[in-house]
């Protein structure tokens, strides 16, 4: 079922295998265009669930607020990169059913603003001008199960926080796959006596 418990904080997988690292194409005006690949497990994606409603279209819809997202990457020519949630500019995300009364498969959009740093430009912090919109047209459950694929719905412009309004680049594309949960280690298992 679509989430019904308002205020619930839902999280996605914790361990990301290399084949699921996010990959995106970024252009920095003074540096060129690069393919950036995630270099490690991103921070857990966490969302706060809002009150379910039926939209004018007749589709059940649940608003979501991203409360945690981030990660590190690397691209030849610009070095290590890092991004994290800009919580000062919240944007409403949502999950909604594709057809009235079916709930799943559903469509989900994760919308958020972010900060971004690049090793090749030390000391500078960038931020999204428009929110990133990561969309999946085939969500089978909530929280989204491992293997759910999200793609950037449109380019995201980036500005230097010290020079608002001056676009210095853009994220042109992005693909993220929800990772599988981290397996329990021997210390994490519970044995009944």
C-alpha atoms as a PDB file:
ATOM      1  CA  UNK A   1       0.000   0.000   0.000  1.00  0.00           C
ATOM      2  CA  UNK A   2       1.034   3.602  -0.466  1.00  0.00           C
ATOM      3  CA  UNK A   3       2.299   5.036   2.827  1.00  0.00           C
ATOM      4  CA  UNK A   4      -0.531   6.061   5.142  1.00  0.00           C
ATOM      5  CA  UNK A   5       1.210   6.925   8.410  1.00  0.00           C
ATOM      6  CA  UNK A   6       1.858  10.655   8.350  1.00  0.00           C
ATOM      7  CA  UNK A   7       5.172  11.723   9.881  1.00  0.00           C
ATOM      8  CA  UNK A   8       6.798   8.318   9.298  1.00  0.00           C
ATOM      9  CA  UNK A   9      10.447   8.578   8.326  1.00  0.00           C
ATOM     10  CA  UNK A  10      11.143   6.019   5.590  1.00  0.00           C
ATOM     11  CA  UNK A  11      14.656   5.009   4.576  1.00  0.00           C
ATOM     12  CA  UNK A  12      16.107   3.223   1.582  1.00  0.00           C
ATOM     13  CA  UNK A  13      18.903   0.611   1.436  1.00  0.00           C
ATOM     14  CA  UNK A  14      22.178   1.074   3.261  1.00  0.00           C
ATOM     15  CA  UNK A  15      24.843  -0.723   1.227  1.00  0.00           C
ATOM     16  CA  UNK A  16      25.499   0.128  -2.391  1.00  0.00           C
ATOM     17  CA  UNK A  17      27.369  -2.361  -4.578  1.00  0.00           C
ATOM     18  CA  UNK A  18      29.600  -0.801  -7.255  1.00  0.00           C
ATOM     19  CA  UNK A  19      27.172  -1.617 -10.083  1.00  0.00           C
ATOM     20  CA  UNK A  20      24.549   0.537  -8.344  1.00  0.00           C
ATOM     21  CA  UNK A  21      26.657   3.634  -7.689  1.00  0.00           C
ATOM     22  CA  UNK A  22      25.030   6.694  -9.147  1.00  0.00           C
ATOM     23  CA  UNK A  23      26.413   7.949 -12.438  1.00  0.00           C
ATOM     24  CA  UNK A  24      25.823  11.358 -13.850  1.00  0.00           C
ATOM     25  CA  UNK A  25      27.023  13.712 -16.494  1.00  0.00           C
ATOM     26  CA  UNK A  26      28.032  17.179 -15.309  1.00  0.00           C
ATOM     27  CA  UNK A  27      29.230  20.273 -17.148  1.00  0.00           C
ATOM     28  CA  UNK A  28      31.319  22.931 -15.372  1.00  0.00           C
ATOM     29  CA  UNK A  29      31.698  25.992 -17.593  1.00  0.00           C
ATOM     30  CA  UNK A  30      35.400  26.574 -16.987  1.00  0.00           C
ATOM     31  CA  UNK A  31      36.330  22.866 -16.843  1.00  0.00           C
ATOM     32  CA  UNK A  32      34.251  20.962 -19.430  1.00  0.00           C
ATOM     33  CA  UNK A  33      31.880  17.976 -19.313  1.00  0.00           C
ATOM     34  CA  UNK A  34      32.567  14.940 -17.127  1.00  0.00           C
ATOM     35  CA  UNK A  35      30.999  11.609 -16.234  1.00  0.00           C
ATOM     36  CA  UNK A  36      30.964  11.364 -12.478  1.00  0.00           C
ATOM     37  CA  UNK A  37      30.690   8.000 -10.729  1.00  0.00           C
ATOM     38  CA  UNK A  38      29.781   7.461  -7.076  1.00  0.00           C
ATOM     39  CA  UNK A  39      32.783   6.235  -5.100  1.00  0.00           C
ATOM     40  CA  UNK A  40      31.116   4.759  -2.061  1.00  0.00           C
ATOM     41  CA  UNK A  41      27.878   4.175  -0.292  1.00  0.00           C
ATOM     42  CA  UNK A  42      25.777   7.337  -0.300  1.00  0.00           C
ATOM     43  CA  UNK A  43      24.155   8.553   2.871  1.00  0.00           C
ATOM     44  CA  UNK A  44      20.850   6.910   3.547  1.00  0.00           C
ATOM     45  CA  UNK A  45      18.007   8.472   1.595  1.00  0.00           C
ATOM     46  CA  UNK A  46      15.340   9.356   4.128  1.00  0.00           C
ATOM     47  CA  UNK A  47      11.931  10.901   3.553  1.00  0.00           C
ATOM     48  CA  UNK A  48       9.186  12.125   5.863  1.00  0.00           C
ATOM     49  CA  UNK A  49       5.715  10.973   4.824  1.00  0.00           C
ATOM     50  CA  UNK A  50       2.915  13.521   4.496  1.00  0.00           C
ATOM     51  CA  UNK A  51      -0.870  13.065   4.562  1.00  0.00           C
ATOM     52  CA  UNK A  52      -2.255  10.887   1.749  1.00  0.00           C
ATOM     53  CA  UNK A  53      -4.880  12.546  -0.485  1.00  0.00           C
ATOM     54  CA  UNK A  54      -6.725  11.931  -3.737  1.00  0.00           C
ATOM     55  CA  UNK A  55      -5.605  14.371  -6.442  1.00  0.00           C
ATOM     56  CA  UNK A  56      -7.983  16.015  -8.932  1.00  0.00           C
ATOM     57  CA  UNK A  57      -6.876  13.298 -11.362  1.00  0.00           C
ATOM     58  CA  UNK A  58      -8.426  10.713  -9.000  1.00  0.00           C
ATOM     59  CA  UNK A  59      -5.038   9.218  -8.106  1.00  0.00           C
ATOM     60  CA  UNK A  60      -3.959   8.536  -4.518  1.00  0.00           C
ATOM     61  CA  UNK A  61      -0.951  10.734  -3.800  1.00  0.00           C
ATOM     62  CA  UNK A  62       1.376  10.928  -0.812  1.00  0.00           C
ATOM     63  CA  UNK A  63       3.604  13.989  -0.347  1.00  0.00           C
ATOM     64  CA  UNK A  64       7.139  13.316   0.850  1.00  0.00           C
ATOM     65  CA  UNK A  65       9.874  15.561   2.224  1.00  0.00           C
ATOM     66  CA  UNK A  66      13.474  14.452   1.673  1.00  0.00           C
ATOM     67  CA  UNK A  67      15.287  14.829   5.021  1.00  0.00           C
ATOM     68  CA  UNK A  68      18.585  13.107   4.154  1.00  0.00           C
ATOM     69  CA  UNK A  69      20.459  12.485   0.929  1.00  0.00           C
ATOM     70  CA  UNK A  70      24.077  12.856  -0.132  1.00  0.00           C
ATOM     71  CA  UNK A  71      27.148  11.142  -1.461  1.00  0.00           C
ATOM     72  CA  UNK A  72      30.656  11.285  -2.888  1.00  0.00           C
ATOM     73  CA  UNK A  73      31.869  10.798  -6.413  1.00  0.00           C
ATOM     74  CA  UNK A  74      34.879  11.079  -8.687  1.00  0.00           C
ATOM     75  CA  UNK A  75      35.419  12.230 -12.254  1.00  0.00           C
ATOM     76  CA  UNK A  76      38.641  12.312 -14.254  1.00  0.00           C
ATOM     77  CA  UNK A  77      39.737  15.914 -14.578  1.00  0.00           C
ATOM     78  CA  UNK A  78      37.885  17.330 -11.564  1.00  0.00           C
ATOM     79  CA  UNK A  79      38.710  14.789  -8.827  1.00  0.00           C
ATOM     80  CA  UNK A  80      36.523  14.019  -5.835  1.00  0.00           C
ATOM     81  CA  UNK A  81      33.075  15.546  -5.589  1.00  0.00           C
ATOM     82  CA  UNK A  82      30.586  15.618  -2.748  1.00  0.00           C
ATOM     83  CA  UNK A  83      26.914  16.553  -2.520  1.00  0.00           C
ATOM     84  CA  UNK A  84      24.503  16.889   0.386  1.00  0.00           C
ATOM     85  CA  UNK A  85      20.976  18.079   1.040  1.00  0.00           C
ATOM     86  CA  UNK A  86      20.313  21.813   1.214  1.00  0.00           C
ATOM     87  CA  UNK A  87      17.665  21.638   3.950  1.00  0.00           C
ATOM     88  CA  UNK A  88      17.234  25.444   3.908  1.00  0.00           C
ATOM     89  CA  UNK A  89      15.268  25.159   0.647  1.00  0.00           C
ATOM     90  CA  UNK A  90      12.792  22.291   1.137  1.00  0.00           C
ATOM     91  CA  UNK A  91      10.801  21.024  -1.845  1.00  0.00           C
ATOM     92  CA  UNK A  92       7.804  18.682  -1.738  1.00  0.00           C
ATOM     93  CA  UNK A  93       8.335  15.260  -3.268  1.00  0.00           C
ATOM     94  CA  UNK A  94       5.571  12.713  -3.878  1.00  0.00           C
ATOM     95  CA  UNK A  95       4.588   9.168  -4.746  1.00  0.00           C
ATOM     96  CA  UNK A  96       1.323   8.490  -6.577  1.00  0.00           C
ATOM     97  CA  UNK A  97      -0.456   5.579  -8.158  1.00  0.00           C
ATOM     98  CA  UNK A  98      -0.402   5.224 -11.958  1.00  0.00           C
ATOM     99  CA  UNK A  99      -4.028   4.125 -12.165  1.00  0.00           C
ATOM    100  CA  UNK A 100      -6.798   4.921  -9.687  1.00  0.00           C
ATOM    101  CA  UNK A 101      -7.284   2.176  -7.104  1.00  0.00           C
ATOM    102  CA  UNK A 102      -4.151   0.191  -7.986  1.00  0.00           C
ATOM    103  CA  UNK A 103      -1.560   1.866  -5.692  1.00  0.00           C
ATOM    104  CA  UNK A 104       1.379  -0.036  -7.270  1.00  0.00           C
ATOM    105  CA  UNK A 105       3.223   0.177  -9.523  1.00  0.00           C
ATOM    106  CA  UNK A 106       3.485   3.853  -8.680  1.00  0.00           C
ATOM    107  CA  UNK A 107       5.402   6.920  -9.835  1.00  0.00           C
ATOM    108  CA  UNK A 108       7.722   8.646  -7.384  1.00  0.00           C
ATOM    109  CA  UNK A 109       9.595  11.910  -7.652  1.00  0.00           C
ATOM    110  CA  UNK A 110      12.291  12.820  -5.141  1.00  0.00           C
ATOM    111  CA  UNK A 111      12.752  16.591  -5.347  1.00  0.00           C
ATOM    112  CA  UNK A 112      15.511  18.369  -3.444  1.00  0.00           C
ATOM    113  CA  UNK A 113      18.054  21.173  -3.493  1.00  0.00           C
ATOM    114  CA  UNK A 114      21.679  20.295  -2.802  1.00  0.00           C
ATOM    115  CA  UNK A 115      25.152  21.663  -2.077  1.00  0.00           C
ATOM    116  CA  UNK A 116      28.097  20.443  -4.150  1.00  0.00           C
ATOM    117  CA  UNK A 117      31.901  20.636  -3.916  1.00  0.00           C
ATOM    118  CA  UNK A 118      34.591  19.785  -6.481  1.00  0.00           C
ATOM    119  CA  UNK A 119      38.199  18.914  -5.635  1.00  0.00           C
ATOM    120  CA  UNK A 120      39.443  20.899  -8.663  1.00  0.00           C
ATOM    121  CA  UNK A 121      37.862  24.046  -7.181  1.00  0.00           C
ATOM    122  CA  UNK A 122      38.967  23.961  -3.516  1.00  0.00           C
ATOM    123  CA  UNK A 123      37.243  26.250  -1.053  1.00  0.00           C
ATOM    124  CA  UNK A 124      34.215  26.818  -3.265  1.00  0.00           C
ATOM    125  CA  UNK A 125      30.742  25.538  -2.471  1.00  0.00           C
ATOM    126  CA  UNK A 126      28.085  25.303  -5.155  1.00  0.00           C
ATOM    127  CA  UNK A 127      24.344  24.758  -4.909  1.00  0.00           C
ATOM    128  CA  UNK A 128      21.478  23.827  -7.168  1.00  0.00           C
ATOM    129  CA  UNK A 129      19.566  26.731  -8.699  1.00  0.00           C
ATOM    130  CA  UNK A 130      16.508  24.631  -9.517  1.00  0.00           C
ATOM    131  CA  UNK A 131      15.654  21.506  -7.528  1.00  0.00           C
ATOM    132  CA  UNK A 132      16.873  18.108  -8.667  1.00  0.00           C
ATOM    133  CA  UNK A 133      13.930  15.875  -9.607  1.00  0.00           C
ATOM    134  CA  UNK A 134      14.762  12.171  -9.527  1.00  0.00           C
ATOM    135  CA  UNK A 135      11.870  10.167 -11.008  1.00  0.00           C
ATOM    136  CA  UNK A 136      10.954   6.484 -11.122  1.00  0.00           C
ATOM    137  CA  UNK A 137       7.974   5.342 -13.199  1.00  0.00           C
ATOM    138  CA  UNK A 138       7.975   1.817 -11.743  1.00  0.00           C
ATOM    139  CA  UNK A 139       7.987   1.858  -7.938  1.00  0.00           C
ATOM    140  CA  UNK A 140       6.679  -1.499  -6.664  1.00  0.00           C
ATOM    141  CA  UNK A 141       6.467  -0.746  -2.913  1.00  0.00           C
ATOM    142  CA  UNK A 142       7.262   1.923  -0.364  1.00  0.00           C
ATOM    143  CA  UNK A 143       9.964   2.319   0.737  1.00  0.00           C
ATOM    144  CA  UNK A 144      11.163   1.536  -2.799  1.00  0.00           C
ATOM    145  CA  UNK A 145      12.631  -1.970  -3.054  1.00  0.00           C
ATOM    146  CA  UNK A 146      16.226  -2.655  -4.110  1.00  0.00           C
ATOM    147  CA  UNK A 147      16.672  -2.341  -7.857  1.00  0.00           C
ATOM    148  CA  UNK A 148      14.253   0.586  -8.252  1.00  0.00           C
ATOM    149  CA  UNK A 149      15.772   2.942 -10.831  1.00  0.00           C
ATOM    150  CA  UNK A 150      15.490   6.737 -10.698  1.00  0.00           C
ATOM    151  CA  UNK A 151      16.553   9.137 -13.450  1.00  0.00           C
ATOM    152  CA  UNK A 152      17.012  12.895 -13.409  1.00  0.00           C
ATOM    153  CA  UNK A 153      13.896  14.433 -14.980  1.00  0.00           C
ATOM    154  CA  UNK A 154      15.747  17.475 -16.363  1.00  0.00           C
ATOM    155  CA  UNK A 155      19.055  19.367 -16.050  1.00  0.00           C
ATOM    156  CA  UNK A 156      19.905  21.062 -12.756  1.00  0.00           C
ATOM    157  CA  UNK A 157      21.795  24.349 -12.926  1.00  0.00           C
ATOM    158  CA  UNK A 158      24.522  25.016 -10.349  1.00  0.00           C
ATOM    159  CA  UNK A 159      25.707  28.353  -8.927  1.00  0.00           C
ATOM    160  CA  UNK A 160      28.510  29.356  -6.575  1.00  0.00           C
ATOM    161  CA  UNK A 161      26.962  30.198  -3.180  1.00  0.00           C
ATOM    162  CA  UNK A 162      29.193  33.302  -3.038  1.00  0.00           C
ATOM    163  CA  UNK A 163      27.854  34.504  -6.433  1.00  0.00           C
ATOM    164  CA  UNK A 164      24.089  33.843  -6.456  1.00  0.00           C
ATOM    165  CA  UNK A 165      22.508  34.021  -9.892  1.00  0.00           C
ATOM    166  CA  UNK A 166      25.701  33.202 -11.810  1.00  0.00           C
ATOM    167  CA  UNK A 167      25.279  29.711 -13.273  1.00  0.00           C
ATOM    168  CA  UNK A 168      28.652  27.935 -13.433  1.00  0.00           C
ATOM    169  CA  UNK A 169      27.481  24.539 -14.633  1.00  0.00           C
ATOM    170  CA  UNK A 170      24.761  21.941 -14.769  1.00  0.00           C
ATOM    171  CA  UNK A 171      24.047  18.329 -13.961  1.00  0.00           C
ATOM    172  CA  UNK A 172      22.816  17.050 -17.324  1.00  0.00           C
ATOM    173  CA  UNK A 173      21.812  13.495 -16.389  1.00  0.00           C
ATOM    174  CA  UNK A 174      21.780  11.179 -13.407  1.00  0.00           C
ATOM    175  CA  UNK A 175      20.814   7.558 -12.761  1.00  0.00           C
ATOM    176  CA  UNK A 176      20.447   6.030  -9.294  1.00  0.00           C
ATOM    177  CA  UNK A 177      19.465   2.485  -8.312  1.00  0.00           C
ATOM    178  CA  UNK A 178      18.128   1.785  -4.814  1.00  0.00           C
ATOM    179  CA  UNK A 179      20.693  -0.543  -3.202  1.00  0.00           C
ATOM    180  CA  UNK A 180      20.051  -3.829  -1.449  1.00  0.00           C
ATOM    181  CA  UNK A 181      20.068  -3.746   2.363  1.00  0.00           C
ATOM    182  CA  UNK A 182      23.329  -4.435   4.140  1.00  0.00           C
ATOM    183  CA  UNK A 183      23.509  -8.104   5.175  1.00  0.00           C
ATOM    184  CA  UNK A 184      23.623  -8.779   8.886  1.00  0.00           C
ATOM    185  CA  UNK A 185      27.026  -9.662  10.290  1.00  0.00           C
ATOM    186  CA  UNK A 186      27.493 -12.408  12.878  1.00  0.00           C
ATOM    187  CA  UNK A 187      27.331  -9.766  15.623  1.00  0.00           C
ATOM    188  CA  UNK A 188      24.016  -8.411  14.369  1.00  0.00           C
ATOM    189  CA  UNK A 189      22.081 -11.687  14.420  1.00  0.00           C
ATOM    190  CA  UNK A 190      19.734 -12.617  17.207  1.00  0.00           C
ATOM    191  CA  UNK A 191      19.574 -16.215  18.333  1.00  0.00           C
ATOM    192  CA  UNK A 192      16.736 -17.529  20.411  1.00  0.00           C
ATOM    193  CA  UNK A 193      17.675 -19.446  23.546  1.00  0.00           C
END
